[in-house]
Protein backbone atom coordinates (compact mmCIF):
# COMPACT_ATOMS: atom_id res chain seq x y z
CA MET A 1 148.61 33.93 102.37
CA PHE A 2 147.17 37.42 102.87
CA ASN A 3 147.02 38.13 99.11
CA ILE A 4 145.36 34.80 98.41
CA THR A 5 142.72 35.48 101.05
CA VAL A 6 142.00 38.92 99.61
CA TRP A 7 141.84 37.51 96.06
CA VAL A 8 139.34 34.90 97.20
CA ALA A 9 137.23 37.63 98.82
CA GLU A 10 137.47 39.75 95.64
CA GLY A 11 136.40 36.80 93.50
CA PHE A 12 133.53 35.97 95.82
CA LEU A 13 132.30 39.58 95.81
CA ALA A 14 132.72 39.91 92.05
CA LEU A 15 130.81 36.70 91.38
CA PHE A 16 127.96 37.65 93.71
CA PHE A 17 127.59 41.21 92.43
CA ALA A 18 127.88 40.18 88.77
CA LEU A 19 125.15 37.59 89.30
CA ALA A 20 123.10 40.15 91.27
CA GLY A 21 123.52 42.89 88.67
CA LEU A 22 122.68 40.95 85.51
CA PRO A 23 119.01 40.25 86.38
CA LYS A 24 118.55 43.88 87.38
CA ILE A 25 119.82 45.06 84.00
CA PHE A 26 118.03 42.51 81.83
CA GLY A 27 114.88 42.16 83.95
CA LYS A 28 114.88 38.36 83.89
CA GLY A 29 114.80 36.67 87.29
CA ILE A 30 114.36 39.98 89.11
CA ASP A 31 111.31 38.56 90.90
CA ARG A 32 113.73 36.58 93.10
CA TRP A 33 115.08 39.81 94.60
CA VAL A 34 113.00 41.25 97.42
CA GLY A 35 111.51 44.72 96.95
CA PHE A 36 112.43 45.50 93.36
CA ASP A 37 108.78 45.73 92.39
CA GLU A 38 108.79 48.99 94.41
CA VAL A 39 111.84 50.44 92.62
CA PRO A 40 111.45 52.25 89.27
CA ARG A 41 112.89 50.27 86.35
CA GLY A 42 115.50 52.93 85.53
CA MET A 43 116.78 52.88 89.10
CA THR A 44 116.94 49.08 89.02
CA ILE A 45 119.03 49.21 85.83
CA LEU A 46 121.33 51.80 87.42
CA ILE A 47 121.83 49.63 90.51
CA GLY A 48 122.57 46.59 88.34
CA THR A 49 125.02 48.55 86.21
CA CYS A 50 126.86 49.75 89.33
CA GLU A 51 127.04 46.19 90.63
CA ILE A 52 128.49 44.92 87.34
CA ALA A 53 130.98 47.81 87.20
CA ALA A 54 132.12 47.01 90.75
CA ALA A 55 132.53 43.32 89.88
CA VAL A 56 134.64 44.25 86.85
CA GLY A 57 136.68 46.69 88.95
CA LEU A 58 137.49 43.92 91.41
CA ILE A 59 138.54 41.25 88.94
CA VAL A 60 139.95 42.86 85.80
CA PRO A 61 142.97 44.50 87.50
CA VAL A 62 144.03 41.12 88.88
CA LEU A 63 143.69 39.49 85.46
CA VAL A 64 145.46 42.15 83.36
CA ASP A 65 147.91 43.40 86.01
CA ARG A 66 146.95 47.02 85.25
CA VAL A 67 144.64 49.69 86.71
CA GLU A 68 144.99 48.16 90.17
CA TRP A 69 143.74 51.44 91.66
CA THR A 70 140.19 50.53 90.60
CA THR A 71 140.03 47.66 93.10
CA PRO A 72 139.70 49.77 96.27
CA LEU A 73 137.24 52.06 94.46
CA ALA A 74 135.15 49.04 93.45
CA GLY A 75 135.19 47.86 97.06
CA ILE A 76 134.00 51.27 98.24
CA GLY A 77 131.29 51.23 95.57
CA ILE A 78 130.02 47.89 96.84
CA VAL A 79 130.04 49.23 100.40
CA ILE A 80 127.85 52.14 99.30
CA ILE A 81 125.45 49.98 97.27
CA SER A 82 125.17 47.43 100.08
CA LEU A 83 124.57 49.98 102.83
CA MET A 84 121.91 51.69 100.73
CA ALA A 85 120.28 48.30 100.26
CA SER A 86 120.45 47.78 104.02
CA GLY A 87 118.52 50.98 104.52
CA PHE A 88 115.90 49.81 102.06
CA HIS A 89 115.55 46.48 103.87
CA LEU A 90 115.43 48.10 107.31
CA ARG A 91 112.67 50.43 106.14
CA ASN A 92 110.68 47.38 105.03
CA ARG A 93 111.47 45.52 108.27
CA GLU A 94 113.40 42.80 106.43
CA TRP A 95 115.91 42.13 109.18
CA LEU A 96 117.71 39.14 107.68
CA ALA A 97 118.15 40.82 104.29
CA ALA A 98 119.42 43.97 106.04
CA LEU A 99 121.97 41.90 107.97
CA GLU A 100 123.07 40.16 104.78
CA THR A 101 123.71 43.44 102.98
CA VAL A 102 125.67 44.77 105.95
CA LEU A 103 127.84 41.65 105.81
CA TRP A 104 128.46 42.21 102.07
CA ALA A 105 129.41 45.81 102.87
CA SER A 106 131.81 44.59 105.56
CA LEU A 107 133.50 42.15 103.20
CA ALA A 108 133.80 44.80 100.48
CA GLY A 109 135.18 47.29 103.00
CA SER A 110 137.82 44.80 104.07
CA VAL A 111 138.85 44.33 100.41
CA ALA A 112 139.01 48.11 99.89
CA ALA A 113 141.18 48.47 102.99
CA ALA A 114 143.44 45.58 101.99
CA ARG A 115 143.97 47.03 98.51
CA TRP A 116 144.11 50.70 99.52
CA ASP A 117 147.84 50.91 98.74
CA LYS A 118 146.95 50.26 95.07
CA PHE A 119 145.04 53.55 95.01
CA ALA A 120 148.38 55.41 95.02
CA THR A 121 149.12 54.01 91.54
CA GLY A 122 146.05 55.74 90.09
CA PRO A 123 146.08 58.77 87.83
CA SER A 124 147.19 61.99 89.44
CA LEU A 125 144.34 64.47 89.77
CA SER A 126 144.53 68.13 90.64
CA GLY A 127 142.05 69.68 93.06
CA HIS A 128 140.06 71.01 90.11
CA ASP A 129 139.93 67.58 88.49
CA VAL A 130 138.61 66.01 91.68
CA VAL A 131 135.90 68.66 92.04
CA LEU A 132 134.88 68.27 88.38
CA LEU A 133 134.77 64.48 88.69
CA ALA A 134 132.70 64.69 91.88
CA GLN A 135 130.27 67.08 90.22
CA LEU A 136 129.93 64.84 87.17
CA VAL A 137 128.91 62.02 89.49
CA VAL A 138 126.94 63.84 92.18
CA VAL A 139 124.85 66.25 90.07
CA PRO A 140 123.17 63.55 87.94
CA ALA A 141 122.70 61.40 91.06
CA VAL A 142 120.94 64.27 92.84
CA ILE A 143 118.70 64.92 89.81
CA ILE A 144 117.77 61.24 89.52
CA ASN A 145 117.16 61.02 93.27
CA LEU A 146 114.92 64.09 93.23
CA ALA A 147 112.96 62.72 90.28
CA VAL A 148 112.44 59.38 92.01
CA LEU A 149 111.49 61.02 95.32
CA THR A 150 109.06 63.40 93.60
CA ARG A 151 107.41 60.55 91.76
CA ALA A 152 107.28 58.37 94.89
CA THR A 153 105.69 61.09 97.00
CA SER A 154 103.22 62.42 94.44
CA PRO A 155 99.55 61.61 95.14
CA ASN A 156 99.16 59.90 91.73
CA ALA A 157 102.17 57.58 92.10
């Protein structure tokens, strides 16, 4: 019963985030999402791509019975995306949207926790590999964030 419940939650999350990510990538129907007119197009595409990747990471391991270690990582990714969205909504005083994104984060966190034992089946990484991987993710994210913040705070923006 537990596994079925978690699979249902994974499917629900994957469906929602796939359907949320596609309009952000392709730009069609994005007007239905609150606040994306304030977000640079490149950032919107990045958010959509992360949402699609998380949806794939939740579903594909169940379907192919391989790379199960991606499921808790996808859940953590959705938690991060959702909490960042909550901050965006709180800043704009959109209380209901902020609550909704916190609920998505909670559901994704419960999936990550339920599937955490699958993380042990992932590839073995040395300390150097982990640092290199973190740098490959964090450095571009910092550069993009600084570029967006600089543009958003410049007097001509």
